[in-house]
Amino acid sequence: MKEITVEELKQKIDNNEDFIFLDVREPFEAYMSKIDIETLCIPDQELEGRISELESDKDSEIIVMCRSGNRSAKACELLKENGFPFVKNLKGGINEWARKIDPSLPVY
């Protein structure tokens, strides 16, 4: 599975690159700590049943995030199995982002 570092994600954001940002955390987690960009939030437990919501983005780069990178890695595998070729896992998740990019966010 392909991964992207928080530094690489920050560069993509700064360069206004086009990608889908998928947060697979629970809503309360997204409320606690989030990256300030347009985000599609589908909790990992709901992703399989809601995968059709991403069909129009099948050929887009999709970067998947969770708290630490584990749930998003599983979500990436599910997406790849369903024909999404351009999926990347955010290595270290939101906690890595908080540690290295935006220390104002809580690590949980």
Protein backbone atom coordinates (compact mmCIF):
# COMPACT_ATOMS: atom_id res chain seq x y z
CA MET A 1 0.00 0.00 0.00
CA LYS A 2 1.18 3.48 -0.81
CA GLU A 3 1.66 5.95 2.01
CA ILE A 4 2.08 9.70 2.15
CA THR A 5 3.87 11.52 4.95
CA VAL A 6 2.40 14.50 6.75
CA GLU A 7 5.12 16.67 5.21
CA GLU A 8 4.13 15.52 1.71
CA LEU A 9 0.47 16.17 2.48
CA LYS A 10 1.30 19.67 3.75
CA GLN A 11 3.16 20.35 0.49
CA LYS A 12 0.15 19.16 -1.56
CA ILE A 13 -2.13 21.44 0.45
CA ASP A 14 0.25 24.40 0.09
CA ASN A 15 0.46 23.77 -3.68
CA ASN A 16 -3.35 23.56 -4.00
CA GLU A 17 -3.06 20.10 -5.55
CA ASP A 18 -6.28 18.26 -6.32
CA PHE A 19 -7.11 15.19 -4.23
CA ILE A 20 -9.91 13.70 -2.15
CA PHE A 21 -9.21 13.76 1.59
CA LEU A 22 -11.08 10.94 3.33
CA ASP A 23 -11.26 10.87 7.13
CA VAL A 24 -12.34 7.43 8.40
CA ARG A 25 -12.45 8.39 12.09
CA GLU A 26 -15.64 8.61 14.13
CA PRO A 27 -17.43 12.00 14.10
CA PHE A 28 -16.40 12.79 17.69
CA GLU A 29 -12.75 12.31 16.72
CA ALA A 30 -13.06 14.65 13.74
CA TYR A 31 -14.66 17.20 16.04
CA MET A 32 -11.71 16.97 18.47
CA SER A 33 -8.93 17.33 15.93
CA LYS A 34 -8.93 17.98 12.19
CA ILE A 35 -6.89 19.33 9.32
CA ASP A 36 -8.43 22.50 7.95
CA ILE A 37 -9.13 21.38 4.38
CA GLU A 38 -12.18 20.05 2.54
CA THR A 39 -12.71 16.59 3.97
CA LEU A 40 -15.06 13.72 3.26
CA CYS A 41 -15.87 11.98 6.54
CA ILE A 42 -16.96 8.35 6.36
CA PRO A 43 -16.21 6.30 9.50
CA ASP A 44 -14.28 3.12 8.70
CA GLN A 45 -17.12 0.91 9.96
CA GLU A 46 -19.45 2.52 7.39
CA LEU A 47 -17.06 2.68 4.44
CA GLU A 48 -17.95 -0.62 2.79
CA GLY A 49 -21.65 0.27 2.78
CA ARG A 50 -21.00 3.81 1.56
CA ILE A 51 -18.28 3.14 -1.02
CA SER A 52 -20.68 4.12 -3.81
CA GLU A 53 -20.39 7.73 -2.57
CA LEU A 54 -16.83 7.68 -3.94
CA GLU A 55 -17.61 6.11 -7.34
CA SER A 56 -17.37 9.43 -9.20
CA ASP A 57 -13.90 9.92 -7.70
CA LYS A 58 -12.54 6.51 -8.71
CA ASP A 59 -9.77 8.00 -10.86
CA SER A 60 -8.83 10.71 -8.34
CA GLU A 61 -6.05 10.54 -5.80
CA ILE A 62 -7.63 9.66 -2.46
CA ILE A 63 -5.67 10.29 0.73
CA VAL A 64 -7.12 8.42 3.71
CA MET A 65 -6.60 9.51 7.33
CA CYS A 66 -7.43 8.23 10.80
CA ARG A 67 -5.93 8.76 14.26
CA SER A 68 -2.68 6.83 13.80
CA GLY A 69 -2.75 5.21 10.36
CA ASN A 70 -4.13 1.76 11.19
CA ARG A 71 -7.83 2.17 10.34
CA SER A 72 -6.95 4.23 7.30
CA ALA A 73 -4.60 1.47 6.09
CA LYS A 74 -7.49 -1.01 6.23
CA ALA A 75 -9.72 1.52 4.46
CA CYS A 76 -7.10 1.88 1.72
CA GLU A 77 -7.08 -1.88 1.20
CA LEU A 78 -10.89 -1.91 0.94
CA LEU A 79 -10.82 0.90 -1.60
CA LYS A 80 -8.11 -0.80 -3.67
CA GLU A 81 -10.09 -4.07 -3.63
CA ASN A 82 -13.04 -2.11 -5.01
CA GLY A 83 -11.16 -0.62 -7.94
CA PHE A 84 -9.73 2.62 -6.57
CA PRO A 85 -6.15 2.65 -7.93
CA PHE A 86 -4.88 5.98 -6.55
CA VAL A 87 -5.25 5.53 -2.80
CA LYS A 88 -2.67 6.59 -0.19
CA ASN A 89 -2.61 6.15 3.56
CA LEU A 90 -1.57 9.15 5.68
CA LYS A 91 1.33 7.70 7.64
CA GLY A 92 0.86 8.34 11.36
CA GLY A 93 -2.58 9.89 10.90
CA ILE A 94 -3.81 13.04 12.60
CA ASN A 95 -1.52 12.45 15.56
CA GLU A 96 1.54 12.65 13.31
CA TRP A 97 0.11 15.82 11.75
CA ALA A 98 -0.32 17.30 15.24
CA ARG A 99 3.23 16.38 16.25
CA LYS A 100 4.99 17.61 13.12
CA ILE A 101 2.78 20.17 11.35
CA ASP A 102 0.19 21.69 13.68
CA PRO A 103 1.07 21.38 17.37
CA SER A 104 -2.07 23.33 18.32
CA LEU A 105 -4.04 20.11 17.68
CA PRO A 106 -4.41 17.56 20.47
CA VAL A 107 -2.69 14.18 20.22
CA TYR A 108 -5.06 11.53 21.48
